[in-house]
Amino acid sequence: MYSADNGGRFPKRASQISPDYHRWNGNKVSVVDVMRGSYVPNRWVLICPITSKSFGDKWPTYAHPAGGESGGYGGWDTGMSLKPPRPAVHVYVAYMWLANFHMLKYFKGERSWPKNDSECDSNRAFITHRISDSTGSKVWDVGHMGAWDAGGNARPFFSFSLAPDQPVGMADGSILVHNRYQVRKRAYGAHGGNTTYYY
């Protein structure tokens, strides 16, 4: 496991963008660069069959690890089969990797996302799909059977999201499935510092 080999630390994150971006702007110490291969030998674990069916035609990285454009926006494997490899500069996938991602605040008792493996417990979220509202920008509803581009911003969750549930992988390895009525604001920050994340 990466953290065990690195003094309990998780990979550094580019917190200026959303946690579903696993690499931003070609960052050579991204989650993708330090974990692809030895720690994540099978990148299909990053493909959710439900969101793949819902959004894979719009966002190819949701359907295939090599989806997207070489040298542009893509998945963990995009451009890696080329000679020489031409990886995607920006890598985004269906799962937000929350570990070591700095947020400005958390709502109503939500525990901060783990910064290292000593903080991995059943009360901290580690991975989930993106349902978010960015002030002055976009509402994304890309959880299970969500609305995808849900249009304008600053609206209550029930007015934009179609997702019937939101699975959350917790930092101890357990999984919670929040039904539609349990999904709520959990964290704020990232993506311009003004994005609210729901799970």
C-alpha atoms as a PDB file:
ATOM      1  CA  MET A   1       0.000   0.000   0.000  1.00  0.00           C
ATOM      2  CA  TYR A   2       1.303   3.448  -0.928  1.00  0.00           C
ATOM      3  CA  SER A   3       0.941   5.041   2.512  1.00  0.00           C
ATOM      4  CA  ALA A   4       2.757   2.129   4.220  1.00  0.00           C
ATOM      5  CA  ASP A   5       5.707   2.660   1.867  1.00  0.00           C
ATOM      6  CA  ASN A   6       5.691   6.426   2.405  1.00  0.00           C
ATOM      7  CA  GLY A   7       5.668   6.998   6.133  1.00  0.00           C
ATOM      8  CA  GLY A   8       1.884   6.885   6.417  1.00  0.00           C
ATOM      9  CA  ARG A   9       1.403   9.728   3.948  1.00  0.00           C
ATOM     10  CA  PHE A  10      -1.020   9.818   1.014  1.00  0.00           C
ATOM     11  CA  PRO A  11      -0.037  11.346  -2.354  1.00  0.00           C
ATOM     12  CA  LYS A  12      -0.044  15.134  -2.607  1.00  0.00           C
ATOM     13  CA  ARG A  13      -3.174  16.602  -4.171  1.00  0.00           C
ATOM     14  CA  ALA A  14      -3.834  19.642  -6.377  1.00  0.00           C
ATOM     15  CA  SER A  15      -6.515  21.184  -4.199  1.00  0.00           C
ATOM     16  CA  GLN A  16      -7.225  24.040  -6.613  1.00  0.00           C
ATOM     17  CA  ILE A  17      -9.298  21.613  -8.682  1.00  0.00           C
ATOM     18  CA  SER A  18     -11.966  19.054  -7.742  1.00  0.00           C
ATOM     19  CA  PRO A  19     -11.025  15.702  -6.103  1.00  0.00           C
ATOM     20  CA  ASP A  20     -12.349  13.747  -9.105  1.00  0.00           C
ATOM     21  CA  TYR A  21      -9.297  15.139 -10.946  1.00  0.00           C
ATOM     22  CA  HIS A  22      -6.517  12.708 -10.092  1.00  0.00           C
ATOM     23  CA  ARG A  23      -3.963  14.692 -12.091  1.00  0.00           C
ATOM     24  CA  TRP A  24      -4.093  18.365 -12.972  1.00  0.00           C
ATOM     25  CA  ASN A  25      -1.864  20.253 -15.383  1.00  0.00           C
ATOM     26  CA  GLY A  26       0.545  17.332 -15.880  1.00  0.00           C
ATOM     27  CA  ASN A  27       1.594  17.245 -12.217  1.00  0.00           C
ATOM     28  CA  LYS A  28       4.346  14.585 -12.012  1.00  0.00           C
ATOM     29  CA  VAL A  29       3.617  13.769  -8.356  1.00  0.00           C
ATOM     30  CA  SER A  30      -0.130  13.275  -8.862  1.00  0.00           C
ATOM     31  CA  VAL A  31      -2.072  10.276  -7.567  1.00  0.00           C
ATOM     32  CA  VAL A  32      -1.878   8.843 -11.093  1.00  0.00           C
ATOM     33  CA  ASP A  33       1.894   9.235 -11.444  1.00  0.00           C
ATOM     34  CA  VAL A  34       2.817   7.779  -8.069  1.00  0.00           C
ATOM     35  CA  MET A  35       0.238   4.961  -7.942  1.00  0.00           C
ATOM     36  CA  ARG A  36      -0.337   3.760 -11.515  1.00  0.00           C
ATOM     37  CA  GLY A  37       1.143   0.287 -11.968  1.00  0.00           C
ATOM     38  CA  SER A  38       2.542  -1.028  -8.707  1.00  0.00           C
ATOM     39  CA  TYR A  39      -0.249   0.277  -6.435  1.00  0.00           C
ATOM     40  CA  VAL A  40      -3.126   0.300  -8.947  1.00  0.00           C
ATOM     41  CA  PRO A  41      -2.301  -2.458 -11.451  1.00  0.00           C
ATOM     42  CA  ASN A  42      -5.872  -2.696 -12.749  1.00  0.00           C
ATOM     43  CA  ARG A  43      -7.290   0.731 -13.592  1.00  0.00           C
ATOM     44  CA  TRP A  44     -10.725  -0.751 -14.285  1.00  0.00           C
ATOM     45  CA  VAL A  45     -11.318  -0.450 -10.516  1.00  0.00           C
ATOM     46  CA  LEU A  46     -11.777   3.266 -11.274  1.00  0.00           C
ATOM     47  CA  ILE A  47     -14.726   2.586 -13.578  1.00  0.00           C
ATOM     48  CA  CYS A  48     -18.182   2.437 -11.994  1.00  0.00           C
ATOM     49  CA  PRO A  49     -20.586   0.334 -14.104  1.00  0.00           C
ATOM     50  CA  ILE A  50     -23.538   2.561 -13.171  1.00  0.00           C
ATOM     51  CA  THR A  51     -21.951   5.932 -13.976  1.00  0.00           C
ATOM     52  CA  SER A  52     -20.287   4.378 -17.030  1.00  0.00           C
ATOM     53  CA  LYS A  53     -23.692   3.524 -18.445  1.00  0.00           C
ATOM     54  CA  SER A  54     -25.124   6.927 -17.523  1.00  0.00           C
ATOM     55  CA  PHE A  55     -22.282   9.243 -18.569  1.00  0.00           C
ATOM     56  CA  GLY A  56     -19.678   7.240 -20.512  1.00  0.00           C
ATOM     57  CA  ASP A  57     -20.894   8.602 -23.861  1.00  0.00           C
ATOM     58  CA  LYS A  58     -20.406  12.198 -22.621  1.00  0.00           C
ATOM     59  CA  TRP A  59     -17.229  11.680 -20.578  1.00  0.00           C
ATOM     60  CA  PRO A  60     -15.202   8.769 -22.056  1.00  0.00           C
ATOM     61  CA  THR A  61     -13.068   8.482 -18.895  1.00  0.00           C
ATOM     62  CA  TYR A  62     -16.178   7.235 -17.095  1.00  0.00           C
ATOM     63  CA  ALA A  63     -16.398   4.285 -19.511  1.00  0.00           C
ATOM     64  CA  HIS A  64     -12.756   3.263 -20.020  1.00  0.00           C
ATOM     65  CA  PRO A  65      -9.427   3.889 -18.220  1.00  0.00           C
ATOM     66  CA  ALA A  66      -7.942   4.976 -21.568  1.00  0.00           C
ATOM     67  CA  GLY A  67     -10.900   7.169 -22.520  1.00  0.00           C
ATOM     68  CA  GLY A  68     -10.427  10.789 -23.483  1.00  0.00           C
ATOM     69  CA  GLU A  69      -7.646  12.520 -25.393  1.00  0.00           C
ATOM     70  CA  SER A  70      -3.906  11.910 -25.344  1.00  0.00           C
ATOM     71  CA  GLY A  71      -2.237  15.074 -24.111  1.00  0.00           C
ATOM     72  CA  GLY A  72      -5.581  16.547 -23.047  1.00  0.00           C
ATOM     73  CA  TYR A  73      -8.343  15.378 -20.702  1.00  0.00           C
ATOM     74  CA  GLY A  74      -8.387  11.645 -20.089  1.00  0.00           C
ATOM     75  CA  GLY A  75      -8.149   8.675 -17.744  1.00  0.00           C
ATOM     76  CA  TRP A  76      -5.304   6.918 -15.947  1.00  0.00           C
ATOM     77  CA  ASP A  77      -4.372   4.925 -19.090  1.00  0.00           C
ATOM     78  CA  THR A  78      -5.080   7.532 -21.781  1.00  0.00           C
ATOM     79  CA  GLY A  79      -2.170   7.745 -24.229  1.00  0.00           C
ATOM     80  CA  MET A  80      -0.033   5.249 -22.294  1.00  0.00           C
ATOM     81  CA  SER A  81      -0.058   2.652 -25.099  1.00  0.00           C
ATOM     82  CA  LEU A  82       1.471   5.125 -27.575  1.00  0.00           C
ATOM     83  CA  LYS A  83       5.175   5.043 -28.456  1.00  0.00           C
ATOM     84  CA  PRO A  84       6.363   7.167 -26.729  1.00  0.00           C
ATOM     85  CA  PRO A  85       3.538   7.432 -24.184  1.00  0.00           C
ATOM     86  CA  ARG A  86       1.503  10.647 -24.361  1.00  0.00           C
ATOM     87  CA  PRO A  87      -0.527  10.687 -21.144  1.00  0.00           C
ATOM     88  CA  ALA A  88      -3.473  12.940 -20.458  1.00  0.00           C
ATOM     89  CA  VAL A  89      -2.430  16.226 -18.863  1.00  0.00           C
ATOM     90  CA  HIS A  90      -5.654  16.364 -16.858  1.00  0.00           C
ATOM     91  CA  VAL A  91      -6.994  13.061 -15.488  1.00  0.00           C
ATOM     92  CA  TYR A  92     -10.536  12.886 -14.138  1.00  0.00           C
ATOM     93  CA  VAL A  93     -12.599   9.828 -13.273  1.00  0.00           C
ATOM     94  CA  ALA A  94     -15.946   8.829 -11.780  1.00  0.00           C
ATOM     95  CA  TYR A  95     -14.556   8.597  -8.244  1.00  0.00           C
ATOM     96  CA  MET A  96     -13.441  11.529  -6.147  1.00  0.00           C
ATOM     97  CA  TRP A  97     -10.309  10.480  -4.259  1.00  0.00           C
ATOM     98  CA  LEU A  98     -10.636  12.464  -1.043  1.00  0.00           C
ATOM     99  CA  ALA A  99      -7.481  11.425   0.825  1.00  0.00           C
ATOM    100  CA  ASN A 100      -5.092  14.327   1.518  1.00  0.00           C
ATOM    101  CA  PHE A 101      -7.333  16.774  -0.348  1.00  0.00           C
ATOM    102  CA  HIS A 102      -7.574  20.082   1.513  1.00  0.00           C
ATOM    103  CA  MET A 103     -11.043  21.609   1.975  1.00  0.00           C
ATOM    104  CA  LEU A 104     -11.958  24.942   3.546  1.00  0.00           C
ATOM    105  CA  LYS A 105     -14.718  23.592   5.774  1.00  0.00           C
ATOM    106  CA  TYR A 106     -16.964  20.652   6.576  1.00  0.00           C
ATOM    107  CA  PHE A 107     -20.660  20.778   7.481  1.00  0.00           C
ATOM    108  CA  LYS A 108     -22.591  19.564  10.527  1.00  0.00           C
ATOM    109  CA  GLY A 109     -20.008  17.351  12.188  1.00  0.00           C
ATOM    110  CA  GLU A 110     -18.564  15.854   8.992  1.00  0.00           C
ATOM    111  CA  ARG A 111     -15.004  14.750   9.760  1.00  0.00           C
ATOM    112  CA  SER A 112     -12.211  16.136   7.601  1.00  0.00           C
ATOM    113  CA  TRP A 113     -10.900  13.871   4.868  1.00  0.00           C
ATOM    114  CA  PRO A 114      -7.846  11.846   5.985  1.00  0.00           C
ATOM    115  CA  LYS A 115      -4.411  13.376   5.418  1.00  0.00           C
ATOM    116  CA  ASN A 116      -2.481  10.225   6.378  1.00  0.00           C
ATOM    117  CA  ASP A 117      -3.188   6.616   7.299  1.00  0.00           C
ATOM    118  CA  SER A 118      -3.379   7.375  11.043  1.00  0.00           C
ATOM    119  CA  GLU A 119      -6.617   9.255  10.290  1.00  0.00           C
ATOM    120  CA  CYS A 120      -8.226   6.330   8.475  1.00  0.00           C
ATOM    121  CA  ASP A 121     -11.321   5.366  10.430  1.00  0.00           C
ATOM    122  CA  SER A 122     -14.986   4.613   9.815  1.00  0.00           C
ATOM    123  CA  ASN A 123     -15.991   8.262  10.352  1.00  0.00           C
ATOM    124  CA  ARG A 124     -14.019   9.782   7.468  1.00  0.00           C
ATOM    125  CA  ALA A 125     -15.016   9.637   3.813  1.00  0.00           C
ATOM    126  CA  PHE A 126     -12.311   8.407   1.420  1.00  0.00           C
ATOM    127  CA  ILE A 127     -13.946   7.991  -1.997  1.00  0.00           C
ATOM    128  CA  THR A 128     -17.311   8.800  -3.587  1.00  0.00           C
ATOM    129  CA  HIS A 129     -18.926  10.095  -6.779  1.00  0.00           C
ATOM    130  CA  ARG A 130     -19.236  13.789  -7.550  1.00  0.00           C
ATOM    131  CA  ILE A 131     -22.387  15.685  -6.721  1.00  0.00           C
ATOM    132  CA  SER A 132     -21.441  19.333  -6.391  1.00  0.00           C
ATOM    133  CA  ASP A 133     -22.568  22.930  -6.666  1.00  0.00           C
ATOM    134  CA  SER A 134     -19.997  25.596  -7.604  1.00  0.00           C
ATOM    135  CA  THR A 135     -21.125  29.151  -6.933  1.00  0.00           C
ATOM    136  CA  GLY A 136     -21.104  31.160 -10.144  1.00  0.00           C
ATOM    137  CA  SER A 137     -20.331  28.094 -12.225  1.00  0.00           C
ATOM    138  CA  LYS A 138     -21.786  24.577 -12.522  1.00  0.00           C
ATOM    139  CA  VAL A 139     -23.872  21.997 -10.745  1.00  0.00           C
ATOM    140  CA  TRP A 140     -22.596  18.460 -11.402  1.00  0.00           C
ATOM    141  CA  ASP A 141     -24.801  15.481 -10.616  1.00  0.00           C
ATOM    142  CA  VAL A 142     -22.626  12.551 -11.688  1.00  0.00           C
ATOM    143  CA  GLY A 143     -23.523  10.075  -8.988  1.00  0.00           C
ATOM    144  CA  HIS A 144     -25.620   6.993  -9.709  1.00  0.00           C
ATOM    145  CA  MET A 145     -28.232   7.862 -12.363  1.00  0.00           C
ATOM    146  CA  GLY A 146     -27.724  11.573 -11.777  1.00  0.00           C
ATOM    147  CA  ALA A 147     -28.616  14.453 -14.089  1.00  0.00           C
ATOM    148  CA  TRP A 148     -24.981  14.970 -15.281  1.00  0.00           C
ATOM    149  CA  ASP A 149     -24.726  18.706 -16.105  1.00  0.00           C
ATOM    150  CA  ALA A 150     -27.474  19.903 -13.781  1.00  0.00           C
ATOM    151  CA  GLY A 151     -27.301  23.494 -15.020  1.00  0.00           C
ATOM    152  CA  GLY A 152     -27.175  26.640 -12.887  1.00  0.00           C
ATOM    153  CA  ASN A 153     -26.002  26.916  -9.323  1.00  0.00           C
ATOM    154  CA  ALA A 154     -27.124  27.875  -5.815  1.00  0.00           C
ATOM    155  CA  ARG A 155     -30.062  25.510  -5.648  1.00  0.00           C
ATOM    156  CA  PRO A 156     -31.071  23.031  -2.950  1.00  0.00           C
ATOM    157  CA  PHE A 157     -29.886  19.440  -3.535  1.00  0.00           C
ATOM    158  CA  PHE A 158     -33.387  18.085  -4.218  1.00  0.00           C
ATOM    159  CA  SER A 159     -33.983  20.674  -6.932  1.00  0.00           C
ATOM    160  CA  PHE A 160     -31.043  19.534  -9.088  1.00  0.00           C
ATOM    161  CA  SER A 161     -30.000  15.980  -8.212  1.00  0.00           C
ATOM    162  CA  LEU A 162     -31.675  12.879  -9.613  1.00  0.00           C
ATOM    163  CA  ALA A 163     -29.314  10.435  -7.877  1.00  0.00           C
ATOM    164  CA  PRO A 164     -31.284   7.847  -5.862  1.00  0.00           C
ATOM    165  CA  ASP A 165     -28.291   7.130  -3.605  1.00  0.00           C
ATOM    166  CA  GLN A 166     -24.651   7.974  -3.023  1.00  0.00           C
ATOM    167  CA  PRO A 167     -22.155   5.245  -2.038  1.00  0.00           C
ATOM    168  CA  VAL A 168     -19.272   6.433   0.123  1.00  0.00           C
ATOM    169  CA  GLY A 169     -16.107   4.426   0.697  1.00  0.00           C
ATOM    170  CA  MET A 170     -14.948   5.207   4.209  1.00  0.00           C
ATOM    171  CA  ALA A 171     -11.299   5.502   5.215  1.00  0.00           C
ATOM    172  CA  ASP A 172     -11.325   2.191   7.138  1.00  0.00           C
ATOM    173  CA  GLY A 173     -12.425   0.281   4.017  1.00  0.00           C
ATOM    174  CA  SER A 174     -16.110   0.077   4.914  1.00  0.00           C
ATOM    175  CA  ILE A 175     -18.849   1.365   2.623  1.00  0.00           C
ATOM    176  CA  LEU A 176     -21.904   3.438   3.431  1.00  0.00           C
ATOM    177  CA  VAL A 177     -24.738   3.923   0.986  1.00  0.00           C
ATOM    178  CA  HIS A 178     -26.598   7.149   1.654  1.00  0.00           C
ATOM    179  CA  ASN A 179     -30.081   7.023   0.223  1.00  0.00           C
ATOM    180  CA  ARG A 180     -31.398  10.158  -1.466  1.00  0.00           C
ATOM    181  CA  TYR A 181     -32.747  11.548   1.799  1.00  0.00           C
ATOM    182  CA  GLN A 182     -29.446  11.042   3.634  1.00  0.00           C
ATOM    183  CA  VAL A 183     -27.377  12.909   1.041  1.00  0.00           C
ATOM    184  CA  ARG A 184     -26.463  16.389   2.293  1.00  0.00           C
ATOM    185  CA  LYS A 185     -23.781  19.060   2.163  1.00  0.00           C
ATOM    186  CA  ARG A 186     -20.592  17.575   3.571  1.00  0.00           C
ATOM    187  CA  ALA A 187     -17.605  19.659   2.444  1.00  0.00           C
ATOM    188  CA  TYR A 188     -16.814  23.038   0.915  1.00  0.00           C
ATOM    189  CA  GLY A 189     -13.803  24.355  -0.995  1.00  0.00           C
ATOM    190  CA  ALA A 190     -11.755  23.193  -4.018  1.00  0.00           C
ATOM    191  CA  HIS A 191     -12.517  24.050  -7.647  1.00  0.00           C
ATOM    192  CA  GLY A 192     -12.033  27.768  -7.175  1.00  0.00           C
ATOM    193  CA  GLY A 193     -12.572  27.510  -3.427  1.00  0.00           C
ATOM    194  CA  ASN A 194     -16.344  27.794  -3.769  1.00  0.00           C
ATOM    195  CA  THR A 195     -17.668  24.301  -4.387  1.00  0.00           C
ATOM    196  CA  THR A 196     -20.027  22.386  -2.108  1.00  0.00           C
ATOM    197  CA  TYR A 197     -19.864  18.580  -2.213  1.00  0.00           C
ATOM    198  CA  TYR A 198     -22.809  16.341  -1.329  1.00  0.00           C
ATOM    199  CA  TYR A 199     -22.776  12.706  -0.247  1.00  0.00           C
END
